[in-house]
Amino acid sequence: METVLRTEELSVAERFESWYDLTSRALVPTVLTPVDTSDFRAEARLLELGAVRISVMSYPALRSRRTPTLVRRSDPELYQVALTRRGEQQLSQCRRDALVGPGDLLLYDTSHPFDARAALDGKEVEVIVVHVPRAALPLPAAKIDRTLAVPTPGHTGVGALLSQFLVPLVTQSACYRPQDAVRLGAVTMDLVTTFLAHRLGLEGAVPPESRQQSKPYPARGDVAPHESPDAAPQGSCPARVGTMTGRLTACGRGEHRDGSTTL
């Protein structure tokens, strides 16, 4: 359910290469250009929650470009909602430029080219990104696309509701059982839908079956079959599942790891 990469646990020579491989293979292919490759310190955690994937990343100054050629070559057709927790970033998509800082939410997608720059203030960036299939959102794609690269404060209104859900969701991930993943993914999807519908003024357009997913699950309904609710000591959590550190296999691509491209 969870994959972890900490580049500081690798040799200096492997750090950026491993980060490039992970983000290209598990998230979306881009052309990455770091400011400094001599000691690239970054961390990524990937949570699989049914149809929803959540990435938690921290990284130094870099540039990430998704070119038109990369979009044509491979498009997972995802909307991505990013909550910046530390540092500043800039993203350009669909002729719009967004500058975001701590607490801001930003929607972008994989189906349009984008150009992003991180750590504009010289501080390491930390971000939580929710990756949602475009086809899974019960809202008109044409209207959603009008809000790409338009930042929203994450400390008020529905944005605060989404932000305050995401932070404990990722910080308490060690406590989840495999059977929790689909249910947590459904709640995440429902909150993202609510957030976007509110931005678009389309709250009434959300199908009733989607709104019903927001009902809280029974507090003790997470207990696995044949397992006592008191089986685990209070305050303890099982170890994370599927944790990986080390070098990840690269996928074939035309871009070089130093950030140059052969497109």
C-alpha atoms as a PDB file:
ATOM      1  CA  MET A   1       0.000   0.000   0.000  1.00  0.00           C
ATOM      2  CA  GLU A   2       2.927   2.355   0.585  1.00  0.00           C
ATOM      3  CA  THR A   3       6.244   2.906  -1.170  1.00  0.00           C
ATOM      4  CA  VAL A   4       9.007   5.031   0.334  1.00  0.00           C
ATOM      5  CA  LEU A   5      12.193   6.435  -1.179  1.00  0.00           C
ATOM      6  CA  ARG A   6      14.698   8.464   0.843  1.00  0.00           C
ATOM      7  CA  THR A   7      17.625   9.512  -1.284  1.00  0.00           C
ATOM      8  CA  GLU A   8      19.850  10.156   1.735  1.00  0.00           C
ATOM      9  CA  GLU A   9      19.938   6.373   2.236  1.00  0.00           C
ATOM     10  CA  LEU A  10      21.579   5.976  -1.185  1.00  0.00           C
ATOM     11  CA  SER A  11      25.011   6.832  -2.471  1.00  0.00           C
ATOM     12  CA  VAL A  12      25.368  10.402  -3.716  1.00  0.00           C
ATOM     13  CA  ALA A  13      25.748   9.145  -7.294  1.00  0.00           C
ATOM     14  CA  GLU A  14      22.427   7.286  -7.168  1.00  0.00           C
ATOM     15  CA  ARG A  15      20.264   9.918  -5.508  1.00  0.00           C
ATOM     16  CA  PHE A  16      18.931  11.989  -8.372  1.00  0.00           C
ATOM     17  CA  GLU A  17      18.748   9.007 -10.728  1.00  0.00           C
ATOM     18  CA  SER A  18      16.573   7.086  -8.262  1.00  0.00           C
ATOM     19  CA  TRP A  19      14.300  10.072  -7.687  1.00  0.00           C
ATOM     20  CA  TYR A  20      13.910  10.547 -11.446  1.00  0.00           C
ATOM     21  CA  ASP A  21      13.056   6.887 -11.918  1.00  0.00           C
ATOM     22  CA  LEU A  22      10.428   6.881  -9.175  1.00  0.00           C
ATOM     23  CA  THR A  23       8.627  10.042 -10.255  1.00  0.00           C
ATOM     24  CA  SER A  24       8.644   9.034 -13.925  1.00  0.00           C
ATOM     25  CA  ARG A  25       7.493   5.468 -13.370  1.00  0.00           C
ATOM     26  CA  ALA A  26       5.087   5.765 -10.444  1.00  0.00           C
ATOM     27  CA  LEU A  27       3.687   9.274 -11.000  1.00  0.00           C
ATOM     28  CA  VAL A  28       3.996  10.897 -14.422  1.00  0.00           C
ATOM     29  CA  PRO A  29       6.925  11.267 -16.847  1.00  0.00           C
ATOM     30  CA  THR A  30       8.485  14.724 -16.814  1.00  0.00           C
ATOM     31  CA  VAL A  31      11.801  16.326 -17.625  1.00  0.00           C
ATOM     32  CA  LEU A  32      13.485  17.085 -14.304  1.00  0.00           C
ATOM     33  CA  THR A  33      16.276  19.617 -13.980  1.00  0.00           C
ATOM     34  CA  PRO A  34      17.669  20.025 -10.454  1.00  0.00           C
ATOM     35  CA  VAL A  35      19.626  23.093  -9.473  1.00  0.00           C
ATOM     36  CA  ASP A  36      22.259  20.895  -7.821  1.00  0.00           C
ATOM     37  CA  THR A  37      22.784  17.170  -8.492  1.00  0.00           C
ATOM     38  CA  SER A  38      25.908  16.846  -6.342  1.00  0.00           C
ATOM     39  CA  ASP A  39      23.952  16.008  -3.188  1.00  0.00           C
ATOM     40  CA  PHE A  40      20.296  15.590  -4.134  1.00  0.00           C
ATOM     41  CA  ARG A  41      18.334  15.045  -0.908  1.00  0.00           C
ATOM     42  CA  ALA A  42      14.663  14.255  -1.389  1.00  0.00           C
ATOM     43  CA  GLU A  43      11.987  11.958  -0.029  1.00  0.00           C
ATOM     44  CA  ALA A  44       8.848  10.461  -1.564  1.00  0.00           C
ATOM     45  CA  ARG A  45       6.054   8.360  -0.093  1.00  0.00           C
ATOM     46  CA  LEU A  46       3.370   6.881  -2.335  1.00  0.00           C
ATOM     47  CA  LEU A  47       0.073   5.657  -0.887  1.00  0.00           C
ATOM     48  CA  GLU A  48      -2.234   3.461  -2.962  1.00  0.00           C
ATOM     49  CA  LEU A  49      -5.846   4.007  -1.901  1.00  0.00           C
ATOM     50  CA  GLY A  50      -7.953   2.147  -4.421  1.00  0.00           C
ATOM     51  CA  ALA A  51      -8.424   4.354  -7.482  1.00  0.00           C
ATOM     52  CA  VAL A  52      -6.684   7.232  -5.709  1.00  0.00           C
ATOM     53  CA  ARG A  53      -2.951   7.635  -5.284  1.00  0.00           C
ATOM     54  CA  ILE A  54      -1.401  10.101  -2.863  1.00  0.00           C
ATOM     55  CA  SER A  55       2.217  11.198  -2.993  1.00  0.00           C
ATOM     56  CA  VAL A  56       4.018  13.000  -0.182  1.00  0.00           C
ATOM     57  CA  MET A  57       7.233  14.565  -1.382  1.00  0.00           C
ATOM     58  CA  SER A  58       9.982  16.841  -0.153  1.00  0.00           C
ATOM     59  CA  TYR A  59      12.706  18.055  -2.491  1.00  0.00           C
ATOM     60  CA  PRO A  60      15.180  20.888  -3.127  1.00  0.00           C
ATOM     61  CA  ALA A  61      15.145  23.437  -5.930  1.00  0.00           C
ATOM     62  CA  LEU A  62      14.323  21.914  -9.318  1.00  0.00           C
ATOM     63  CA  ARG A  63      12.373  22.398 -12.521  1.00  0.00           C
ATOM     64  CA  SER A  64       9.797  19.873 -13.765  1.00  0.00           C
ATOM     65  CA  ARG A  65       8.450  20.069 -17.298  1.00  0.00           C
ATOM     66  CA  ARG A  66       5.782  17.931 -18.900  1.00  0.00           C
ATOM     67  CA  THR A  67       6.260  18.549 -22.583  1.00  0.00           C
ATOM     68  CA  PRO A  68       3.684  18.155 -25.374  1.00  0.00           C
ATOM     69  CA  THR A  69       5.657  15.156 -26.623  1.00  0.00           C
ATOM     70  CA  LEU A  70       5.471  13.470 -23.228  1.00  0.00           C
ATOM     71  CA  VAL A  71       1.723  14.110 -23.075  1.00  0.00           C
ATOM     72  CA  ARG A  72       1.252  12.470 -26.487  1.00  0.00           C
ATOM     73  CA  ARG A  73       3.522   9.578 -25.604  1.00  0.00           C
ATOM     74  CA  SER A  74       1.981   8.666 -22.266  1.00  0.00           C
ATOM     75  CA  ASP A  75      -0.966  10.212 -20.480  1.00  0.00           C
ATOM     76  CA  PRO A  76      -2.383   8.534 -17.359  1.00  0.00           C
ATOM     77  CA  GLU A  77      -5.241  11.087 -17.562  1.00  0.00           C
ATOM     78  CA  LEU A  78      -5.063  12.278 -13.979  1.00  0.00           C
ATOM     79  CA  TYR A  79      -6.106  15.389 -12.149  1.00  0.00           C
ATOM     80  CA  GLN A  80      -3.629  16.325  -9.431  1.00  0.00           C
ATOM     81  CA  VAL A  81      -4.532  18.401  -6.387  1.00  0.00           C
ATOM     82  CA  ALA A  82      -1.417  19.643  -4.599  1.00  0.00           C
ATOM     83  CA  LEU A  83      -1.300  20.956  -1.040  1.00  0.00           C
ATOM     84  CA  THR A  84       1.949  22.816  -0.399  1.00  0.00           C
ATOM     85  CA  ARG A  85       3.078  22.451   3.192  1.00  0.00           C
ATOM     86  CA  ARG A  86       6.499  24.105   3.007  1.00  0.00           C
ATOM     87  CA  GLY A  87       8.361  26.260   0.499  1.00  0.00           C
ATOM     88  CA  GLU A  88       7.189  28.045  -2.622  1.00  0.00           C
ATOM     89  CA  GLN A  89       6.463  26.724  -6.096  1.00  0.00           C
ATOM     90  CA  GLN A  90       5.417  28.112  -9.443  1.00  0.00           C
ATOM     91  CA  LEU A  91       3.451  26.201 -12.079  1.00  0.00           C
ATOM     92  CA  SER A  92       2.357  27.244 -15.556  1.00  0.00           C
ATOM     93  CA  GLN A  93      -0.365  25.353 -17.436  1.00  0.00           C
ATOM     94  CA  CYS A  94      -2.986  26.309 -20.019  1.00  0.00           C
ATOM     95  CA  ARG A  95      -1.552  29.848 -20.284  1.00  0.00           C
ATOM     96  CA  ARG A  96      -2.016  30.436 -16.566  1.00  0.00           C
ATOM     97  CA  ASP A  97       0.754  31.007 -14.027  1.00  0.00           C
ATOM     98  CA  ALA A  98       0.327  30.089 -10.371  1.00  0.00           C
ATOM     99  CA  LEU A  99       2.565  30.900  -7.425  1.00  0.00           C
ATOM    100  CA  VAL A 100       1.795  28.864  -4.319  1.00  0.00           C
ATOM    101  CA  GLY A 101       3.143  28.756  -0.783  1.00  0.00           C
ATOM    102  CA  PRO A 102       2.388  26.919   2.470  1.00  0.00           C
ATOM    103  CA  GLY A 103      -1.309  26.144   2.863  1.00  0.00           C
ATOM    104  CA  ASP A 104      -2.244  26.704  -0.785  1.00  0.00           C
ATOM    105  CA  LEU A 105      -4.087  24.167  -2.938  1.00  0.00           C
ATOM    106  CA  LEU A 106      -3.454  23.895  -6.668  1.00  0.00           C
ATOM    107  CA  LEU A 107      -5.128  21.791  -9.355  1.00  0.00           C
ATOM    108  CA  TYR A 108      -3.223  20.697 -12.464  1.00  0.00           C
ATOM    109  CA  ASP A 109      -3.378  17.649 -14.715  1.00  0.00           C
ATOM    110  CA  THR A 110      -1.318  15.249 -16.807  1.00  0.00           C
ATOM    111  CA  SER A 111      -3.236  15.834 -20.049  1.00  0.00           C
ATOM    112  CA  HIS A 112      -1.854  19.323 -20.670  1.00  0.00           C
ATOM    113  CA  PRO A 113       1.812  20.382 -20.734  1.00  0.00           C
ATOM    114  CA  PHE A 114       3.080  22.158 -17.638  1.00  0.00           C
ATOM    115  CA  ASP A 115       6.231  23.834 -16.418  1.00  0.00           C
ATOM    116  CA  ALA A 116       6.891  23.908 -12.663  1.00  0.00           C
ATOM    117  CA  ARG A 117       9.697  25.368 -10.577  1.00  0.00           C
ATOM    118  CA  ALA A 118      10.203  24.475  -6.932  1.00  0.00           C
ATOM    119  CA  ALA A 119      11.921  26.083  -3.955  1.00  0.00           C
ATOM    120  CA  LEU A 120      11.783  29.602  -5.362  1.00  0.00           C
ATOM    121  CA  ASP A 121      12.535  30.967  -1.905  1.00  0.00           C
ATOM    122  CA  GLY A 122      15.541  28.680  -1.479  1.00  0.00           C
ATOM    123  CA  LYS A 123      13.755  26.482   1.059  1.00  0.00           C
ATOM    124  CA  GLU A 124      13.022  22.801   0.579  1.00  0.00           C
ATOM    125  CA  VAL A 125       9.509  22.111  -0.685  1.00  0.00           C
ATOM    126  CA  GLU A 126       7.100  19.685   0.958  1.00  0.00           C
ATOM    127  CA  VAL A 127       3.874  18.841  -0.843  1.00  0.00           C
ATOM    128  CA  ILE A 128       0.978  16.389  -0.648  1.00  0.00           C
ATOM    129  CA  VAL A 129      -0.473  15.517  -4.064  1.00  0.00           C
ATOM    130  CA  VAL A 130      -3.736  13.658  -4.658  1.00  0.00           C
ATOM    131  CA  HIS A 131      -3.800  11.885  -8.025  1.00  0.00           C
ATOM    132  CA  VAL A 132      -7.360  11.242  -9.243  1.00  0.00           C
ATOM    133  CA  PRO A 133      -8.456   9.679 -12.567  1.00  0.00           C
ATOM    134  CA  ARG A 134     -10.126  12.325 -14.738  1.00  0.00           C
ATOM    135  CA  ALA A 135     -12.889   9.894 -15.667  1.00  0.00           C
ATOM    136  CA  ALA A 136     -13.745   9.243 -12.016  1.00  0.00           C
ATOM    137  CA  LEU A 137     -14.858  12.798 -11.250  1.00  0.00           C
ATOM    138  CA  PRO A 138     -18.611  13.329 -11.798  1.00  0.00           C
ATOM    139  CA  LEU A 139     -18.100  16.904 -13.015  1.00  0.00           C
ATOM    140  CA  PRO A 140     -17.743  18.371 -16.526  1.00  0.00           C
ATOM    141  CA  ALA A 141     -14.089  18.113 -17.524  1.00  0.00           C
ATOM    142  CA  ALA A 142     -14.297  21.286 -19.602  1.00  0.00           C
ATOM    143  CA  LYS A 143     -15.328  23.277 -16.538  1.00  0.00           C
ATOM    144  CA  ILE A 144     -12.748  21.642 -14.273  1.00  0.00           C
ATOM    145  CA  ASP A 145     -10.038  22.511 -16.789  1.00  0.00           C
ATOM    146  CA  ARG A 146     -10.870  26.206 -16.381  1.00  0.00           C
ATOM    147  CA  THR A 147      -9.492  26.000 -12.834  1.00  0.00           C
ATOM    148  CA  LEU A 148      -6.167  24.405 -13.760  1.00  0.00           C
ATOM    149  CA  ALA A 149      -3.210  26.390 -12.386  1.00  0.00           C
ATOM    150  CA  VAL A 150      -5.498  28.624 -10.318  1.00  0.00           C
ATOM    151  CA  PRO A 151      -4.428  28.519  -6.641  1.00  0.00           C
ATOM    152  CA  THR A 152      -6.931  28.302  -3.804  1.00  0.00           C
ATOM    153  CA  PRO A 153      -6.306  29.017  -0.099  1.00  0.00           C
ATOM    154  CA  GLY A 154      -6.326  25.785   1.863  1.00  0.00           C
ATOM    155  CA  HIS A 155      -7.082  27.339   5.243  1.00  0.00           C
ATOM    156  CA  THR A 156     -10.689  28.437   4.713  1.00  0.00           C
ATOM    157  CA  GLY A 157     -13.969  26.879   3.639  1.00  0.00           C
ATOM    158  CA  VAL A 158     -14.034  23.625   1.693  1.00  0.00           C
ATOM    159  CA  GLY A 159     -10.311  23.983   0.971  1.00  0.00           C
ATOM    160  CA  ALA A 160      -9.637  23.791   4.702  1.00  0.00           C
ATOM    161  CA  LEU A 161     -11.810  20.688   4.962  1.00  0.00           C
ATOM    162  CA  LEU A 162      -9.763  18.944   2.274  1.00  0.00           C
ATOM    163  CA  SER A 163      -6.427  20.120   3.698  1.00  0.00           C
ATOM    164  CA  GLN A 164      -7.281  19.091   7.242  1.00  0.00           C
ATOM    165  CA  PHE A 165      -8.227  15.639   5.988  1.00  0.00           C
ATOM    166  CA  LEU A 166      -5.077  15.117   3.916  1.00  0.00           C
ATOM    167  CA  VAL A 167      -2.513  15.958   6.590  1.00  0.00           C
ATOM    168  CA  PRO A 168      -3.528  13.297   9.139  1.00  0.00           C
ATOM    169  CA  LEU A 169      -4.303  10.890   6.297  1.00  0.00           C
ATOM    170  CA  VAL A 170      -0.650  10.824   5.261  1.00  0.00           C
ATOM    171  CA  THR A 171       0.932  11.250   8.701  1.00  0.00           C
ATOM    172  CA  GLN A 172      -1.035   8.325  10.187  1.00  0.00           C
ATOM    173  CA  SER A 173      -0.616   5.954   7.243  1.00  0.00           C
ATOM    174  CA  ALA A 174       1.268   3.407   9.359  1.00  0.00           C
ATOM    175  CA  CYS A 175      -1.985   2.704  11.197  1.00  0.00           C
ATOM    176  CA  TYR A 176      -3.947   1.604   8.134  1.00  0.00           C
ATOM    177  CA  ARG A 177      -4.746  -1.979   7.275  1.00  0.00           C
ATOM    178  CA  PRO A 178      -4.842  -3.095   3.629  1.00  0.00           C
ATOM    179  CA  GLN A 179      -8.643  -3.290   3.750  1.00  0.00           C
ATOM    180  CA  ASP A 180      -8.785   0.404   4.723  1.00  0.00           C
ATOM    181  CA  ALA A 181      -7.313   1.545   1.407  1.00  0.00           C
ATOM    182  CA  VAL A 182     -10.416   1.449  -0.793  1.00  0.00           C
ATOM    183  CA  ARG A 183     -12.593   3.144   1.821  1.00  0.00           C
ATOM    184  CA  LEU A 184     -10.057   5.897   2.452  1.00  0.00           C
ATOM    185  CA  GLY A 185      -9.688   6.368  -1.290  1.00  0.00           C
ATOM    186  CA  ALA A 186     -13.471   6.756  -1.638  1.00  0.00           C
ATOM    187  CA  VAL A 187     -13.555   9.409   1.083  1.00  0.00           C
ATOM    188  CA  THR A 188     -10.629  11.225  -0.557  1.00  0.00           C
ATOM    189  CA  MET A 189     -12.355  11.125  -3.940  1.00  0.00           C
ATOM    190  CA  ASP A 190     -15.557  12.487  -2.436  1.00  0.00           C
ATOM    191  CA  LEU A 191     -13.747  15.379  -0.743  1.00  0.00           C
ATOM    192  CA  VAL A 192     -11.867  16.264  -3.933  1.00  0.00           C
ATOM    193  CA  THR A 193     -15.178  16.198  -5.830  1.00  0.00           C
ATOM    194  CA  THR A 194     -16.790  18.435  -3.205  1.00  0.00           C
ATOM    195  CA  PHE A 195     -13.834  20.835  -3.298  1.00  0.00           C
ATOM    196  CA  LEU A 196     -13.944  21.155  -7.091  1.00  0.00           C
ATOM    197  CA  ALA A 197     -17.742  21.394  -7.237  1.00  0.00           C
ATOM    198  CA  HIS A 198     -17.640  24.211  -4.693  1.00  0.00           C
ATOM    199  CA  ARG A 199     -15.025  26.090  -6.724  1.00  0.00           C
ATOM    200  CA  LEU A 200     -17.166  25.749  -9.838  1.00  0.00           C
ATOM    201  CA  GLY A 201     -20.475  26.486  -8.136  1.00  0.00           C
ATOM    202  CA  LEU A 202     -21.718  23.035  -9.175  1.00  0.00           C
ATOM    203  CA  GLU A 203     -22.589  21.547  -5.807  1.00  0.00           C
ATOM    204  CA  GLY A 204     -26.014  20.523  -7.141  1.00  0.00           C
ATOM    205  CA  ALA A 205     -24.432  18.744 -10.106  1.00  0.00           C
ATOM    206  CA  VAL A 206     -22.737  16.090  -7.967  1.00  0.00           C
ATOM    207  CA  PRO A 207     -24.707  12.826  -8.328  1.00  0.00           C
ATOM    208  CA  PRO A 208     -26.437  11.630  -5.121  1.00  0.00           C
ATOM    209  CA  GLU A 209     -24.477   8.376  -5.137  1.00  0.00           C
ATOM    210  CA  SER A 210     -21.249  10.399  -5.007  1.00  0.00           C
ATOM    211  CA  ARG A 211     -22.481  12.574  -2.146  1.00  0.00           C
ATOM    212  CA  GLN A 212     -23.480   9.501  -0.190  1.00  0.00           C
ATOM    213  CA  GLN A 213     -19.846   8.374  -0.128  1.00  0.00           C
ATOM    214  CA  SER A 214     -19.070  11.218   2.243  1.00  0.00           C
ATOM    215  CA  LYS A 215     -21.046   9.566   5.035  1.00  0.00           C
ATOM    216  CA  PRO A 216     -18.616   8.528   7.783  1.00  0.00           C
ATOM    217  CA  TYR A 217     -17.880   4.863   8.153  1.00  0.00           C
ATOM    218  CA  PRO A 218     -18.758   3.256  11.509  1.00  0.00           C
ATOM    219  CA  ALA A 219     -16.021   4.014  14.000  1.00  0.00           C
ATOM    220  CA  ARG A 220     -15.370   0.336  14.678  1.00  0.00           C
ATOM    221  CA  GLY A 221     -16.125  -0.898  11.186  1.00  0.00           C
ATOM    222  CA  ASP A 222     -12.438  -1.062  10.285  1.00  0.00           C
ATOM    223  CA  VAL A 223     -11.888  -4.225  12.296  1.00  0.00           C
ATOM    224  CA  ALA A 224     -10.853  -7.090  10.045  1.00  0.00           C
ATOM    225  CA  PRO A 225     -12.948 -10.291  10.018  1.00  0.00           C
ATOM    226  CA  HIS A 226     -12.140 -12.621  12.882  1.00  0.00           C
ATOM    227  CA  GLU A 227     -10.102  -9.916  14.577  1.00  0.00           C
ATOM    228  CA  SER A 228     -10.895  -8.496  17.951  1.00  0.00           C
ATOM    229  CA  PRO A 229     -11.204  -4.694  18.152  1.00  0.00           C
ATOM    230  CA  ASP A 230      -8.726  -4.861  21.014  1.00  0.00           C
ATOM    231  CA  ALA A 231      -6.244  -7.119  19.238  1.00  0.00           C
ATOM    232  CA  ALA A 232      -3.666  -4.372  18.823  1.00  0.00           C
ATOM    233  CA  PRO A 233      -2.289  -2.519  21.856  1.00  0.00           C
ATOM    234  CA  GLN A 234      -3.750   0.950  22.267  1.00  0.00           C
ATOM    235  CA  GLY A 235      -1.716   3.613  20.519  1.00  0.00           C
ATOM    236  CA  SER A 236       0.270   1.126  18.440  1.00  0.00           C
ATOM    237  CA  CYS A 237       0.205   0.776  14.664  1.00  0.00           C
ATOM    238  CA  PRO A 238       1.351  -2.060  12.405  1.00  0.00           C
ATOM    239  CA  ALA A 239       4.513  -1.466  10.405  1.00  0.00           C
ATOM    240  CA  ARG A 240       4.147   0.182   7.011  1.00  0.00           C
ATOM    241  CA  VAL A 241       3.452  -2.204   4.184  1.00  0.00           C
ATOM    242  CA  GLY A 242       5.563  -2.379   1.074  1.00  0.00           C
ATOM    243  CA  THR A 243       8.244   0.111   2.150  1.00  0.00           C
ATOM    244  CA  MET A 244      11.077   0.310  -0.346  1.00  0.00           C
ATOM    245  CA  THR A 245      14.368   2.094  -0.230  1.00  0.00           C
ATOM    246  CA  GLY A 246      17.074   1.824  -2.798  1.00  0.00           C
ATOM    247  CA  ARG A 247      17.445   2.096  -6.512  1.00  0.00           C
ATOM    248  CA  LEU A 248      14.336   1.642  -8.632  1.00  0.00           C
ATOM    249  CA  THR A 249      14.336   0.317 -12.160  1.00  0.00           C
ATOM    250  CA  ALA A 250      14.164   2.995 -14.814  1.00  0.00           C
ATOM    251  CA  CYS A 251      11.595   2.963 -17.605  1.00  0.00           C
ATOM    252  CA  GLY A 252      12.560   3.604 -21.184  1.00  0.00           C
ATOM    253  CA  ARG A 253      12.389   7.270 -22.083  1.00  0.00           C
ATOM    254  CA  GLY A 254      13.982   9.857 -24.291  1.00  0.00           C
ATOM    255  CA  GLU A 255      14.978  12.286 -21.557  1.00  0.00           C
ATOM    256  CA  HIS A 256      18.354  12.203 -19.877  1.00  0.00           C
ATOM    257  CA  ARG A 257      18.660  12.218 -16.094  1.00  0.00           C
ATOM    258  CA  ASP A 258      20.674  15.400 -16.076  1.00  0.00           C
ATOM    259  CA  GLY A 259      17.521  17.173 -17.160  1.00  0.00           C
ATOM    260  CA  SER A 260      18.327  17.410 -20.866  1.00  0.00           C
ATOM    261  CA  THR A 261      15.996  15.825 -23.379  1.00  0.00           C
ATOM    262  CA  THR A 262      16.220  14.033 -26.708  1.00  0.00           C
ATOM    263  CA  LEU A 263      12.618  14.764 -27.640  1.00  0.00           C
END
